């Protein structure tokens, strides 16, 4: 997903443990915009959920996904591509919303 410079600047100001931080952004010599985000290691949501047998575990995970999304919404940001492939569970159990 390509983000404009304004969107990257807004994303960089969102500081929440469930939102992957932006470390840098700019424009290349050929005019293409770039941004650098933290490297995240872990499991994608679909594979992580497959290991959760109980409904209460899945609901707790869903609630943890809602926290960074609600935080972004409170700051006027809407994630226009929220789907299971854009959620990751990190090595320490942290839930991260990507893209």
PDB file of N, CA and C in Angstrom:
ATOM      1  N   UNK A   1       0.847  -1.170   0.000  1.00  0.00           N
ATOM      2  CA  UNK A   1       0.000   0.000   0.000  1.00  0.00           C
ATOM      3  C   UNK A   1       0.891   1.230   0.000  1.00  0.00           C
ATOM      4  N   UNK A   2       0.696   2.113  -0.917  1.00  0.00           N
ATOM      5  CA  UNK A   2       1.480   3.344  -0.988  1.00  0.00           C
ATOM      6  C   UNK A   2       0.805   4.425  -0.154  1.00  0.00           C
ATOM      7  N   UNK A   3       1.583   5.053   0.700  1.00  0.00           N
ATOM      8  CA  UNK A   3       1.073   6.140   1.525  1.00  0.00           C
ATOM      9  C   UNK A   3       1.696   7.447   1.072  1.00  0.00           C
ATOM     10  N   UNK A   4       0.907   8.498   1.066  1.00  0.00           N
ATOM     11  CA  UNK A   4       1.441   9.817   0.779  1.00  0.00           C
ATOM     12  C   UNK A   4       2.215  10.343   1.970  1.00  0.00           C
ATOM     13  N   UNK A   5       3.018  11.374   1.757  1.00  0.00           N
ATOM     14  CA  UNK A   5       3.834  11.950   2.825  1.00  0.00           C
ATOM     15  C   UNK A   5       2.984  12.409   4.006  1.00  0.00           C
ATOM     16  N   UNK A   6       1.818  13.007   3.734  1.00  0.00           N
ATOM     17  CA  UNK A   6       0.956  13.461   4.829  1.00  0.00           C
ATOM     18  C   UNK A   6       0.490  12.286   5.680  1.00  0.00           C
ATOM     19  N   UNK A   7       0.115  11.188   5.018  1.00  0.00           N
ATOM     20  CA  UNK A   7      -0.352  10.008   5.750  1.00  0.00           C
ATOM     21  C   UNK A   7       0.779   9.414   6.585  1.00  0.00           C
ATOM     22  N   UNK A   8       1.979   9.384   6.046  1.00  0.00           N
ATOM     23  CA  UNK A   8       3.125   8.861   6.794  1.00  0.00           C
ATOM     24  C   UNK A   8       3.393   9.727   8.014  1.00  0.00           C
ATOM     25  N   UNK A   9       3.303  11.040   7.869  1.00  0.00           N
ATOM     26  CA  UNK A   9       3.531  11.953   8.993  1.00  0.00           C
ATOM     27  C   UNK A   9       2.500  11.719  10.098  1.00  0.00           C
ATOM     28  N   UNK A  10       1.255  11.507   9.724  1.00  0.00           N
ATOM     29  CA  UNK A  10       0.207  11.246  10.714  1.00  0.00           C
ATOM     30  C   UNK A  10       0.461   9.912  11.394  1.00  0.00           C
ATOM     31  N   UNK A  11       0.784   8.892  10.613  1.00  0.00           N
ATOM     32  CA  UNK A  11       1.062   7.568  11.164  1.00  0.00           C
ATOM     33  C   UNK A  11       2.247   7.618  12.123  1.00  0.00           C
ATOM     34  N   UNK A  12       3.259   8.384  11.792  1.00  0.00           N
ATOM     35  CA  UNK A  12       4.449   8.488  12.641  1.00  0.00           C
ATOM     36  C   UNK A  12       4.121   9.085  14.009  1.00  0.00           C
ATOM     37  N   UNK A  13       3.066   9.885  14.093  1.00  0.00           N
ATOM     38  CA  UNK A  13       2.679  10.499  15.371  1.00  0.00           C
ATOM     39  C   UNK A  13       1.829   9.575  16.238  1.00  0.00           C
ATOM     40  N   UNK A  14       1.345   8.470  15.683  1.00  0.00           N
ATOM     41  CA  UNK A  14       0.523   7.541  16.464  1.00  0.00           C
ATOM     42  C   UNK A  14       1.434   6.632  17.273  1.00  0.00           C
ATOM     43  N   UNK A  15       1.511   6.866  18.556  1.00  0.00           N
ATOM     44  CA  UNK A  15       2.357   6.050  19.424  1.00  0.00           C
ATOM     45  C   UNK A  15       1.470   5.145  20.262  1.00  0.00           C
ATOM     46  N   UNK A  16       1.444   3.878  19.872  1.00  0.00           N
ATOM     47  CA  UNK A  16       0.649   2.873  20.577  1.00  0.00           C
ATOM     48  C   UNK A  16       1.376   1.544  20.435  1.00  0.00           C
ATOM     49  N   UNK A  17       1.413   0.721  21.479  1.00  0.00           N
ATOM     50  CA  UNK A  17       2.132  -0.554  21.381  1.00  0.00           C
ATOM     51  C   UNK A  17       1.594  -1.489  20.300  1.00  0.00           C
ATOM     52  N   UNK A  18       0.368  -1.287  19.864  1.00  0.00           N
ATOM     53  CA  UNK A  18      -0.223  -2.147  18.840  1.00  0.00           C
ATOM     54  C   UNK A  18      -0.117  -1.583  17.437  1.00  0.00           C
ATOM     55  N   UNK A  19       0.577  -0.467  17.283  1.00  0.00           N
ATOM     56  CA  UNK A  19       0.778   0.143  15.963  1.00  0.00           C
ATOM     57  C   UNK A  19       2.273   0.164  15.690  1.00  0.00           C
ATOM     58  N   UNK A  20       2.673  -0.428  14.575  1.00  0.00           N
ATOM     59  CA  UNK A  20       4.093  -0.506  14.235  1.00  0.00           C
ATOM     60  C   UNK A  20       4.621   0.905  13.988  1.00  0.00           C
ATOM     61  N   UNK A  21       5.697   1.297  14.699  1.00  0.00           N
ATOM     62  CA  UNK A  21       6.195   2.667  14.562  1.00  0.00           C
ATOM     63  C   UNK A  21       6.908   2.938  13.236  1.00  0.00           C
ATOM     64  N   UNK A  22       6.766   4.166  12.774  1.00  0.00           N
ATOM     65  CA  UNK A  22       7.477   4.651  11.590  1.00  0.00           C
ATOM     66  C   UNK A  22       8.760   5.308  12.088  1.00  0.00           C
ATOM     67  N   UNK A  23       9.906   4.868  11.566  1.00  0.00           N
ATOM     68  CA  UNK A  23      11.189   5.418  11.992  1.00  0.00           C
ATOM     69  C   UNK A  23      11.680   6.548  11.098  1.00  0.00           C
ATOM     70  N   UNK A  24      11.321   6.506   9.819  1.00  0.00           N
ATOM     71  CA  UNK A  24      11.813   7.513   8.888  1.00  0.00           C
ATOM     72  C   UNK A  24      10.884   7.559   7.690  1.00  0.00           C
ATOM     73  N   UNK A  25      10.918   8.675   6.988  1.00  0.00           N
ATOM     74  CA  UNK A  25      10.138   8.845   5.762  1.00  0.00           C
ATOM     75  C   UNK A  25      10.815   9.913   4.922  1.00  0.00           C
ATOM     76  N   UNK A  26      10.579   9.849   3.643  1.00  0.00           N
ATOM     77  CA  UNK A  26      11.181  10.847   2.770  1.00  0.00           C
ATOM     78  C   UNK A  26      10.819  10.603   1.323  1.00  0.00           C
ATOM     79  N   UNK A  27      11.557  11.239   0.457  1.00  0.00           N
ATOM     80  CA  UNK A  27      11.340  11.114  -0.981  1.00  0.00           C
ATOM     81  C   UNK A  27      12.670  10.774  -1.636  1.00  0.00           C
ATOM     82  N   UNK A  28      12.648   9.768  -2.500  1.00  0.00           N
ATOM     83  CA  UNK A  28      13.843   9.378  -3.239  1.00  0.00           C
ATOM     84  C   UNK A  28      14.124  10.380  -4.352  1.00  0.00           C
ATOM     85  N   UNK A  29      15.313  10.316  -4.915  1.00  0.00           N
ATOM     86  CA  UNK A  29      15.720  11.246  -5.972  1.00  0.00           C
ATOM     87  C   UNK A  29      14.785  11.188  -7.180  1.00  0.00           C
ATOM     88  N   UNK A  30      14.174  10.020  -7.417  1.00  0.00           N
ATOM     89  CA  UNK A  30      13.269   9.896  -8.568  1.00  0.00           C
ATOM     90  C   UNK A  30      11.832  10.301  -8.243  1.00  0.00           C
ATOM     91  N   UNK A  31      11.605  10.805  -7.021  1.00  0.00           N
ATOM     92  CA  UNK A  31      10.284  11.312  -6.650  1.00  0.00           C
ATOM     93  C   UNK A  31       9.415  10.322  -5.892  1.00  0.00           C
ATOM     94  N   UNK A  32       9.836   9.069  -5.784  1.00  0.00           N
ATOM     95  CA  UNK A  32       9.037   8.085  -5.046  1.00  0.00           C
ATOM     96  C   UNK A  32       9.169   8.316  -3.543  1.00  0.00           C
ATOM     97  N   UNK A  33       8.040   8.218  -2.859  1.00  0.00           N
ATOM     98  CA  UNK A  33       8.039   8.362  -1.401  1.00  0.00           C
ATOM     99  C   UNK A  33       8.413   7.027  -0.762  1.00  0.00           C
ATOM    100  N   UNK A  34       9.038   7.100   0.420  1.00  0.00           N
ATOM    101  CA  UNK A  34       9.346   5.891   1.170  1.00  0.00           C
ATOM    102  C   UNK A  34       9.094   6.139   2.643  1.00  0.00           C
ATOM    103  N   UNK A  35       8.896   5.054   3.361  1.00  0.00           N
ATOM    104  CA  UNK A  35       8.853   5.123   4.810  1.00  0.00           C
ATOM    105  C   UNK A  35       9.482   3.851   5.367  1.00  0.00           C
ATOM    106  N   UNK A  36      10.079   3.959   6.543  1.00  0.00           N
ATOM    107  CA  UNK A  36      10.774   2.856   7.181  1.00  0.00           C
ATOM    108  C   UNK A  36      10.061   2.569   8.496  1.00  0.00           C
ATOM    109  N   UNK A  37       9.644   1.322   8.647  1.00  0.00           N
ATOM    110  CA  UNK A  37       8.945   0.923   9.858  1.00  0.00           C
ATOM    111  C   UNK A  37       9.759  -0.137  10.596  1.00  0.00           C
ATOM    112  N   UNK A  38       9.452  -0.326  11.849  1.00  0.00           N
ATOM    113  CA  UNK A  38      10.088  -1.355  12.658  1.00  0.00           C
ATOM    114  C   UNK A  38       9.885  -2.723  12.010  1.00  0.00           C
ATOM    115  N   UNK A  39      10.925  -3.542  12.003  1.00  0.00           N
ATOM    116  CA  UNK A  39      10.816  -4.914  11.526  1.00  0.00           C
ATOM    117  C   UNK A  39      10.086  -5.719  12.594  1.00  0.00           C
ATOM    118  N   UNK A  40       9.031  -6.382  12.197  1.00  0.00           N
ATOM    119  CA  UNK A  40       8.217  -7.152  13.134  1.00  0.00           C
ATOM    120  C   UNK A  40       8.349  -8.630  12.799  1.00  0.00           C
ATOM    121  N   UNK A  41       8.618  -9.425  13.824  1.00  0.00           N
ATOM    122  CA  UNK A  41       8.690 -10.876  13.652  1.00  0.00           C
ATOM    123  C   UNK A  41       7.587 -11.504  14.477  1.00  0.00           C
ATOM    124  N   UNK A  42       6.951 -12.509  13.917  1.00  0.00           N
ATOM    125  CA  UNK A  42       5.890 -13.190  14.637  1.00  0.00           C
ATOM    126  C   UNK A  42       5.031 -13.987  13.686  1.00  0.00           C
ATOM    127  N   UNK A  43       3.831 -14.285  14.128  1.00  0.00           N
ATOM    128  CA  UNK A  43       2.878 -15.057  13.336  1.00  0.00           C
ATOM    129  C   UNK A  43       1.798 -14.142  12.792  1.00  0.00           C
ATOM    130  N   UNK A  44       1.381 -14.412  11.576  1.00  0.00           N
ATOM    131  CA  UNK A  44       0.218 -13.724  11.038  1.00  0.00           C
ATOM    132  C   UNK A  44      -1.021 -14.168  11.808  1.00  0.00           C
ATOM    133  N   UNK A  45      -2.029 -13.337  11.808  1.00  0.00           N
ATOM    134  CA  UNK A  45      -3.244 -13.642  12.558  1.00  0.00           C
ATOM    135  C   UNK A  45      -3.852 -14.986  12.172  1.00  0.00           C
ATOM    136  N   UNK A  46      -3.994 -15.305  10.885  1.00  0.00           N
ATOM    137  CA  UNK A  46      -4.631 -16.587  10.543  1.00  0.00           C
ATOM    138  C   UNK A  46      -3.931 -17.801  11.166  1.00  0.00           C
ATOM    139  N   UNK A  47      -2.606 -17.837  11.134  1.00  0.00           N
ATOM    140  CA  UNK A  47      -1.919 -18.999  11.711  1.00  0.00           C
ATOM    141  C   UNK A  47      -1.976 -18.978  13.239  1.00  0.00           C
ATOM    142  N   UNK A  48      -1.951 -17.802  13.829  1.00  0.00           N
ATOM    143  CA  UNK A  48      -2.035 -17.710  15.292  1.00  0.00           C
ATOM    144  C   UNK A  48      -3.412 -18.161  15.779  1.00  0.00           C
ATOM    145  N   UNK A  49      -4.454 -17.734  15.120  1.00  0.00           N
ATOM    146  CA  UNK A  49      -5.819 -18.093  15.534  1.00  0.00           C
ATOM    147  C   UNK A  49      -6.039 -19.596  15.411  1.00  0.00           C
ATOM    148  N   UNK A  50      -5.399 -20.228  14.445  1.00  0.00           N
ATOM    149  CA  UNK A  50      -5.549 -21.672  14.280  1.00  0.00           C
ATOM    150  C   UNK A  50      -5.106 -22.433  15.520  1.00  0.00           C
ATOM    151  N   UNK A  51      -4.194 -21.842  16.288  1.00  0.00           N
ATOM    152  CA  UNK A  51      -3.718 -22.483  17.513  1.00  0.00           C
ATOM    153  C   UNK A  51      -4.555 -22.163  18.741  1.00  0.00           C
ATOM    154  N   UNK A  52      -5.575 -21.361  18.591  1.00  0.00           N
ATOM    155  CA  UNK A  52      -6.444 -21.006  19.717  1.00  0.00           C
ATOM    156  C   UNK A  52      -7.737 -21.809  19.617  1.00  0.00           C
ATOM    157  N   UNK A  53      -7.895 -22.763  20.511  1.00  0.00           N
ATOM    158  CA  UNK A  53      -9.053 -23.654  20.432  1.00  0.00           C
ATOM    159  C   UNK A  53     -10.304 -23.056  21.082  1.00  0.00           C
ATOM    160  N   UNK A  54     -10.106 -22.267  22.121  1.00  0.00           N
ATOM    161  CA  UNK A  54     -11.261 -21.791  22.889  1.00  0.00           C
ATOM    162  C   UNK A  54     -11.760 -20.450  22.380  1.00  0.00           C
ATOM    163  N   UNK A  55     -13.063 -20.280  22.441  1.00  0.00           N
ATOM    164  CA  UNK A  55     -13.694 -19.046  21.987  1.00  0.00           C
ATOM    165  C   UNK A  55     -13.247 -17.860  22.830  1.00  0.00           C
ATOM    166  N   UNK A  56     -13.096 -18.041  24.141  1.00  0.00           N
ATOM    167  CA  UNK A  56     -12.698 -16.916  24.988  1.00  0.00           C
ATOM    168  C   UNK A  56     -11.299 -16.419  24.630  1.00  0.00           C
ATOM    169  N   UNK A  57     -10.394 -17.312  24.224  1.00  0.00           N
ATOM    170  CA  UNK A  57      -9.058 -16.904  23.789  1.00  0.00           C
ATOM    171  C   UNK A  57      -9.149 -16.068  22.505  1.00  0.00           C
ATOM    172  N   UNK A  58      -9.990 -16.507  21.601  1.00  0.00           N
ATOM    173  CA  UNK A  58     -10.168 -15.779  20.342  1.00  0.00           C
ATOM    174  C   UNK A  58     -10.798 -14.407  20.570  1.00  0.00           C
ATOM    175  N   UNK A  59     -11.736 -14.334  21.506  1.00  0.00           N
ATOM    176  CA  UNK A  59     -12.374 -13.049  21.813  1.00  0.00           C
ATOM    177  C   UNK A  59     -11.400 -12.084  22.480  1.00  0.00           C
ATOM    178  N   UNK A  60     -10.533 -12.593  23.360  1.00  0.00           N
ATOM    179  CA  UNK A  60      -9.516 -11.737  23.975  1.00  0.00           C
ATOM    180  C   UNK A  60      -8.564 -11.190  22.910  1.00  0.00           C
ATOM    181  N   UNK A  61      -8.205 -12.039  21.956  1.00  0.00           N
ATOM    182  CA  UNK A  61      -7.340 -11.603  20.866  1.00  0.00           C
ATOM    183  C   UNK A  61      -8.040 -10.535  20.029  1.00  0.00           C
ATOM    184  N   UNK A  62      -9.315 -10.744  19.738  1.00  0.00           N
ATOM    185  CA  UNK A  62     -10.075  -9.755  18.982  1.00  0.00           C
ATOM    186  C   UNK A  62     -10.112  -8.415  19.715  1.00  0.00           C
ATOM    187  N   UNK A  63     -10.297  -8.462  21.023  1.00  0.00           N
ATOM    188  CA  UNK A  63     -10.309  -7.231  21.823  1.00  0.00           C
ATOM    189  C   UNK A  63      -8.957  -6.515  21.736  1.00  0.00           C
ATOM    190  N   UNK A  64      -7.880  -7.272  21.735  1.00  0.00           N
ATOM    191  CA  UNK A  64      -6.540  -6.680  21.642  1.00  0.00           C
ATOM    192  C   UNK A  64      -6.294  -6.077  20.266  1.00  0.00           C
ATOM    193  N   UNK A  65      -6.922  -6.601  19.236  1.00  0.00           N
ATOM    194  CA  UNK A  65      -6.833  -6.008  17.898  1.00  0.00           C
ATOM    195  C   UNK A  65      -7.610  -4.692  17.868  1.00  0.00           C
ATOM    196  N   UNK A  66      -8.738  -4.665  18.558  1.00  0.00           N
ATOM    197  CA  UNK A  66      -9.584  -3.470  18.566  1.00  0.00           C
ATOM    198  C   UNK A  66      -8.917  -2.278  19.254  1.00  0.00           C
ATOM    199  N   UNK A  67      -8.029  -2.521  20.208  1.00  0.00           N
ATOM    200  CA  UNK A  67      -7.401  -1.430  20.958  1.00  0.00           C
ATOM    201  C   UNK A  67      -6.608  -0.472  20.067  1.00  0.00           C
ATOM    202  N   UNK A  68      -5.660  -0.938  19.245  1.00  0.00           N
ATOM    203  CA  UNK A  68      -4.945   0.016  18.392  1.00  0.00           C
ATOM    204  C   UNK A  68      -5.829   0.628  17.306  1.00  0.00           C
ATOM    205  N   UNK A  69      -6.815  -0.135  16.849  1.00  0.00           N
ATOM    206  CA  UNK A  69      -7.732   0.411  15.843  1.00  0.00           C
ATOM    207  C   UNK A  69      -8.548   1.544  16.461  1.00  0.00           C
ATOM    208  N   UNK A  70      -9.052   1.344  17.668  1.00  0.00           N
ATOM    209  CA  UNK A  70      -9.808   2.398  18.357  1.00  0.00           C
ATOM    210  C   UNK A  70      -8.924   3.606  18.641  1.00  0.00           C
ATOM    211  N   UNK A  71      -7.668   3.363  19.010  1.00  0.00           N
ATOM    212  CA  UNK A  71      -6.730   4.457  19.257  1.00  0.00           C
ATOM    213  C   UNK A  71      -6.542   5.293  17.993  1.00  0.00           C
ATOM    214  N   UNK A  72      -6.330   4.623  16.869  1.00  0.00           N
ATOM    215  CA  UNK A  72      -6.170   5.338  15.592  1.00  0.00           C
ATOM    216  C   UNK A  72      -7.440   6.119  15.260  1.00  0.00           C
ATOM    217  N   UNK A  73      -8.600   5.488  15.445  1.00  0.00           N
ATOM    218  CA  UNK A  73      -9.863   6.175  15.163  1.00  0.00           C
ATOM    219  C   UNK A  73     -10.019   7.420  16.035  1.00  0.00           C
ATOM    220  N   UNK A  74      -9.604   7.333  17.288  1.00  0.00           N
ATOM    221  CA  UNK A  74      -9.700   8.479  18.196  1.00  0.00           C
ATOM    222  C   UNK A  74      -8.812   9.637  17.737  1.00  0.00           C
ATOM    223  N   UNK A  75      -7.816   9.316  16.901  1.00  0.00           N
ATOM    224  CA  UNK A  75      -6.924  10.343  16.366  1.00  0.00           C
ATOM    225  C   UNK A  75      -7.238  10.669  14.905  1.00  0.00           C
ATOM    226  N   UNK A  76      -8.438  10.280  14.470  1.00  0.00           N
ATOM    227  CA  UNK A  76      -8.891  10.639  13.133  1.00  0.00           C
ATOM    228  C   UNK A  76      -8.334   9.789  12.001  1.00  0.00           C
ATOM    229  N   UNK A  77      -7.766   8.623  12.318  1.00  0.00           N
ATOM    230  CA  UNK A  77      -7.171   7.749  11.307  1.00  0.00           C
ATOM    231  C   UNK A  77      -8.046   6.516  11.126  1.00  0.00           C
ATOM    232  N   UNK A  78      -8.353   6.184   9.881  1.00  0.00           N
ATOM    233  CA  UNK A  78      -9.111   4.979   9.550  1.00  0.00           C
ATOM    234  C   UNK A  78      -8.201   4.074   8.730  1.00  0.00           C
ATOM    235  N   UNK A  79      -8.077   2.819   9.167  1.00  0.00           N
ATOM    236  CA  UNK A  79      -7.227   1.847   8.457  1.00  0.00           C
ATOM    237  C   UNK A  79      -8.028   1.304   7.287  1.00  0.00           C
ATOM    238  N   UNK A  80      -7.953   1.672   6.156  1.00  0.00           N
ATOM    239  CA  UNK A  80      -8.873   1.285   5.089  1.00  0.00           C
ATOM    240  C   UNK A  80      -8.628  -0.107   4.510  1.00  0.00           C
ATOM    241  N   UNK A  81      -7.749  -0.893   5.130  1.00  0.00           N
ATOM    242  CA  UNK A  81      -7.465  -2.235   4.621  1.00  0.00           C
ATOM    243  C   UNK A  81      -7.270  -3.221   5.772  1.00  0.00           C
ATOM    244  N   UNK A  82      -8.117  -3.116   6.798  1.00  0.00           N
ATOM    245  CA  UNK A  82      -7.988  -3.990   7.958  1.00  0.00           C
ATOM    246  C   UNK A  82      -8.522  -5.377   7.601  1.00  0.00           C
ATOM    247  N   UNK A  83      -7.656  -6.369   7.705  1.00  0.00           N
ATOM    248  CA  UNK A  83      -8.000  -7.758   7.391  1.00  0.00           C
ATOM    249  C   UNK A  83      -7.029  -8.647   8.166  1.00  0.00           C
ATOM    250  N   UNK A  84      -7.309  -9.946   8.265  1.00  0.00           N
ATOM    251  CA  UNK A  84      -6.440 -10.832   9.039  1.00  0.00           C
ATOM    252  C   UNK A  84      -4.967 -10.784   8.620  1.00  0.00           C
ATOM    253  N   UNK A  85      -4.695 -10.644   7.349  1.00  0.00           N
ATOM    254  CA  UNK A  85      -3.307 -10.597   6.897  1.00  0.00           C
ATOM    255  C   UNK A  85      -2.572  -9.334   7.333  1.00  0.00           C
ATOM    256  N   UNK A  86      -3.284  -8.326   7.825  1.00  0.00           N
ATOM    257  CA  UNK A  86      -2.663  -7.087   8.289  1.00  0.00           C
ATOM    258  C   UNK A  86      -2.599  -7.012   9.808  1.00  0.00           C
ATOM    259  N   UNK A  87      -2.683  -8.164  10.460  1.00  0.00           N
ATOM    260  CA  UNK A  87      -2.533  -8.246  11.909  1.00  0.00           C
ATOM    261  C   UNK A  87      -1.492  -9.326  12.191  1.00  0.00           C
ATOM    262  N   UNK A  88      -0.582  -9.026  13.110  1.00  0.00           N
ATOM    263  CA  UNK A  88       0.467  -9.974  13.462  1.00  0.00           C
ATOM    264  C   UNK A  88       0.542 -10.100  14.979  1.00  0.00           C
ATOM    265  N   UNK A  89       0.864 -11.301  15.429  1.00  0.00           N
ATOM    266  CA  UNK A  89       1.112 -11.522  16.853  1.00  0.00           C
ATOM    267  C   UNK A  89       2.611 -11.752  16.988  1.00  0.00           C
ATOM    268  N   UNK A  90       3.263 -10.837  17.696  1.00  0.00           N
ATOM    269  CA  UNK A  90       4.718 -10.864  17.824  1.00  0.00           C
ATOM    270  C   UNK A  90       5.224 -11.949  18.751  1.00  0.00           C
ATOM    271  N   UNK A  91       6.517 -12.069  18.799  1.00  0.00           N
ATOM    272  CA  UNK A  91       7.174 -13.107  19.594  1.00  0.00           C
ATOM    273  C   UNK A  91       6.919 -13.032  21.077  1.00  0.00           C
ATOM    274  N   UNK A  92       6.514 -11.869  21.577  1.00  0.00           N
ATOM    275  CA  UNK A  92       6.219 -11.699  23.000  1.00  0.00           C
ATOM    276  C   UNK A  92       4.713 -11.687  23.259  1.00  0.00           C
ATOM    277  N   UNK A  93       3.921 -12.053  22.249  1.00  0.00           N
ATOM    278  CA  UNK A  93       2.473 -12.075  22.376  1.00  0.00           C
ATOM    279  C   UNK A  93       1.802 -10.750  22.081  1.00  0.00           C
ATOM    280  N   UNK A  94       2.587  -9.753  21.674  1.00  0.00           N
ATOM    281  CA  UNK A  94       1.995  -8.455  21.354  1.00  0.00           C
ATOM    282  C   UNK A  94       1.199  -8.548  20.044  1.00  0.00           C
ATOM    283  N   UNK A  95       0.109  -7.824  20.005  1.00  0.00           N
ATOM    284  CA  UNK A  95      -0.749  -7.788  18.811  1.00  0.00           C
ATOM    285  C   UNK A  95      -0.439  -6.488  18.066  1.00  0.00           C
ATOM    286  N   UNK A  96      -0.119  -6.616  16.783  1.00  0.00           N
ATOM    287  CA  UNK A  96       0.275  -5.457  15.989  1.00  0.00           C
ATOM    288  C   UNK A  96      -0.580  -5.330  14.745  1.00  0.00           C
ATOM    289  N   UNK A  97      -1.090  -4.127  14.520  1.00  0.00           N
ATOM    290  CA  UNK A  97      -1.845  -3.835  13.309  1.00  0.00           C
ATOM    291  C   UNK A  97      -0.862  -3.255  12.309  1.00  0.00           C
ATOM    292  N   UNK A  98      -0.825  -3.829  11.114  1.00  0.00           N
ATOM    293  CA  UNK A  98       0.148  -3.465  10.078  1.00  0.00           C
ATOM    294  C   UNK A  98      -0.528  -2.710   8.940  1.00  0.00           C
ATOM    295  N   UNK A  99       0.306  -2.200   8.050  1.00  0.00           N
ATOM    296  CA  UNK A  99      -0.125  -1.523   6.820  1.00  0.00           C
ATOM    297  C   UNK A  99      -1.010  -0.345   7.113  1.00  0.00           C
TER     298      UNK A  99
END
